[in-house]
Protein backbone atom coordinates (compact mmCIF):
# COMPACT_ATOMS: atom_id res chain seq x y z
CA MET A 1 108.17 108.19 90.58
CA LEU A 2 105.34 106.85 88.09
CA ASP A 3 104.93 109.33 85.06
CA GLY A 4 101.18 110.32 84.04
CA GLU A 5 100.62 107.21 81.92
CA GLU A 6 102.14 104.46 84.75
CA PHE A 7 100.36 106.42 87.54
CA GLU A 8 96.64 106.45 85.83
CA HIS A 9 97.19 102.41 84.89
CA HIS A 10 99.09 101.49 88.17
CA ARG A 11 97.41 98.75 90.15
CA TRP A 12 98.02 100.23 93.94
CA ARG A 13 98.73 98.00 96.64
CA VAL A 14 97.34 99.12 99.58
CA GLY A 15 97.43 97.82 103.31
CA VAL A 16 94.94 98.22 105.32
CA LEU A 17 94.45 98.45 109.10
CA ALA A 18 91.57 98.82 111.84
CA HIS A 19 91.77 98.22 115.48
CA VAL A 20 88.75 96.34 116.33
CA GLY A 21 86.64 99.58 117.38
CA ARG A 22 87.25 101.09 113.80
CA ARG A 23 86.69 98.30 111.91
CA ARG A 24 83.10 99.04 111.17
CA ASP A 25 84.15 102.36 109.65
CA LEU A 26 86.76 100.92 107.24
CA VAL A 27 84.43 98.72 105.98
CA GLU A 28 81.71 101.60 105.31
CA PHE A 29 84.37 103.85 104.06
CA LEU A 30 85.93 101.28 101.29
CA ARG A 31 82.36 100.12 100.71
CA GLY A 32 81.46 104.13 99.90
CA ASN A 33 84.76 104.26 97.96
CA ARG A 34 84.17 100.80 96.18
CA ALA A 35 84.03 102.26 92.69
CA ARG A 36 87.51 103.70 93.47
CA VAL A 37 89.07 101.34 95.30
CA ALA A 38 88.22 97.76 93.20
CA GLY A 39 91.44 97.54 91.33
CA TRP A 40 93.72 97.95 93.72
CA SER A 41 95.67 95.11 95.74
CA LEU A 42 94.00 95.12 99.13
CA VAL A 43 96.04 93.59 101.72
CA ALA A 44 94.77 93.43 105.55
CA THR A 45 94.94 91.25 108.75
CA GLU A 46 92.95 88.01 108.26
CA GLU A 47 90.00 89.59 110.49
CA THR A 48 89.72 92.26 108.48
CA ALA A 49 90.45 91.17 104.95
CA ALA A 50 87.38 88.46 106.10
CA VAL A 51 84.88 91.24 106.22
CA LEU A 52 85.92 93.39 103.31
CA ARG A 53 85.47 90.50 101.43
CA ALA A 54 82.40 89.53 102.98
CA GLU A 55 80.58 93.11 103.47
CA ALA A 56 82.28 95.12 101.05
CA GLY A 57 82.73 93.00 98.35
CA LEU A 58 86.38 93.85 97.83
CA LYS A 59 89.03 91.54 96.98
CA THR A 60 91.12 91.59 100.00
CA ALA A 61 94.30 89.48 100.58
CA ALA A 62 95.02 88.50 104.18
CA VAL A 63 98.43 87.93 106.12
CA LEU A 64 98.84 84.90 107.54
CA PRO A 65 97.82 84.72 111.20
CA ASP A 66 100.46 82.08 112.15
CA ALA A 67 103.30 83.90 110.77
CA GLY A 68 103.64 86.20 113.57
CA PRO A 69 101.69 89.45 114.71
CA GLU A 70 100.15 90.61 111.50
CA ASP A 71 100.68 94.15 111.72
CA ARG A 72 104.46 93.17 111.38
CA GLN A 73 103.70 91.38 108.40
CA LEU A 74 102.22 94.54 107.00
CA ARG A 75 105.49 96.33 108.00
CA GLU A 76 107.71 93.52 106.16
CA ARG A 77 105.64 94.34 103.08
CA LEU A 78 105.89 97.85 102.99
CA VAL A 79 109.59 97.57 103.75
CA ALA A 80 109.77 94.69 100.52
CA GLY A 81 107.98 97.45 98.54
CA GLU A 82 105.00 95.31 98.18
CA ILE A 83 102.84 97.83 99.57
CA ASP A 84 102.42 101.66 97.92
CA ALA A 85 100.39 102.83 100.50
CA LEU A 86 98.64 102.60 103.99
CA ILE A 87 94.90 103.16 105.65
CA VAL A 88 95.43 102.90 109.45
CA LEU A 89 92.49 103.41 111.52
CA LEU A 90 93.10 103.46 114.99
CA ALA A 91 91.35 102.85 118.11
CA PRO A 92 91.03 106.03 120.83
CA PRO A 93 94.31 105.72 122.95
CA LEU A 94 92.46 104.84 126.30
CA ARG A 95 90.53 102.14 125.04
CA PRO A 96 92.12 99.12 126.04
CA GLY A 97 92.66 96.16 124.11
CA GLY A 98 92.19 98.29 120.97
CA GLY A 99 94.61 97.02 118.56
CA PRO A 100 98.34 95.87 118.10
CA ASP A 101 101.24 98.76 118.41
CA VAL A 102 101.24 100.36 114.70
CA MET A 103 104.09 102.37 115.53
CA PRO A 104 106.44 100.59 114.04
CA LEU A 105 104.32 100.18 110.81
CA LEU A 106 103.86 103.83 110.78
CA HIS A 107 107.50 104.28 111.36
CA ALA A 108 108.58 102.40 108.62
CA ALA A 109 105.95 103.97 106.47
CA ASP A 110 107.71 107.25 107.35
CA ILE A 111 111.10 106.13 106.47
CA HIS A 112 110.27 104.57 103.09
CA ASN A 113 108.26 107.35 101.98
CA ILE A 114 104.30 105.56 102.06
CA PRO A 115 101.56 107.84 102.19
CA VAL A 116 99.71 106.98 105.26
CA ALA A 117 96.02 107.74 105.95
CA THR A 118 94.87 107.22 109.86
CA ASN A 119 91.33 109.11 109.71
CA LEU A 120 88.49 109.11 107.30
CA ALA A 121 89.48 112.16 106.28
CA THR A 122 93.06 111.72 105.26
CA ALA A 123 91.62 108.35 104.01
CA TYR A 124 89.77 109.64 101.29
CA CYS A 125 92.07 112.11 100.07
CA LEU A 126 94.10 109.23 99.52
CA VAL A 127 91.38 107.42 97.51
CA MET A 128 90.76 110.70 95.86
CA GLY A 129 94.67 111.17 94.88
CA LEU A 130 94.88 107.30 94.00
CA ALA A 131 91.71 107.12 91.91
CA PRO A 132 92.19 106.70 87.91
CA THR A 133 90.30 109.28 86.99
CA ASP A 134 91.20 111.77 89.26
CA ALA A 135 94.96 110.49 88.68
CA ALA A 136 94.81 111.24 85.13
CA ALA A 137 93.76 114.87 85.90
CA CYS A 138 96.55 115.29 88.11
CA ALA A 139 98.83 114.26 85.85
CA ARG A 140 97.99 117.13 83.23
CA GLY A 141 98.39 119.43 85.83
């Protein structure tokens, strides 16, 4: 657990994943919160990372597409302690071809006590909770 000053100055490592039908929502959300997330280290699938760089102006690392399923790579980074939080926007469940099965990723996050946002409301809560100015207020109580 980080103390107040460490929390305020921590460079958050946040994994982001959006099914095809939700990628636009993710881009618009992060663009709208760019000032809060600009200091984070974002990691995403290759396509999502490219869109975030091009359309939201956010530096975003991409997992390697040839090294196996990208959601599995995010899970491996999470288990290795290289991801502090996740934003995962899912396509509606009845939509075929909406994206990979993220249940193993979500299960790993649960086991390793990693906060996960699975919709825009919880993503907003996560961003506000980790944003430096808000973190300082939280640390002061």
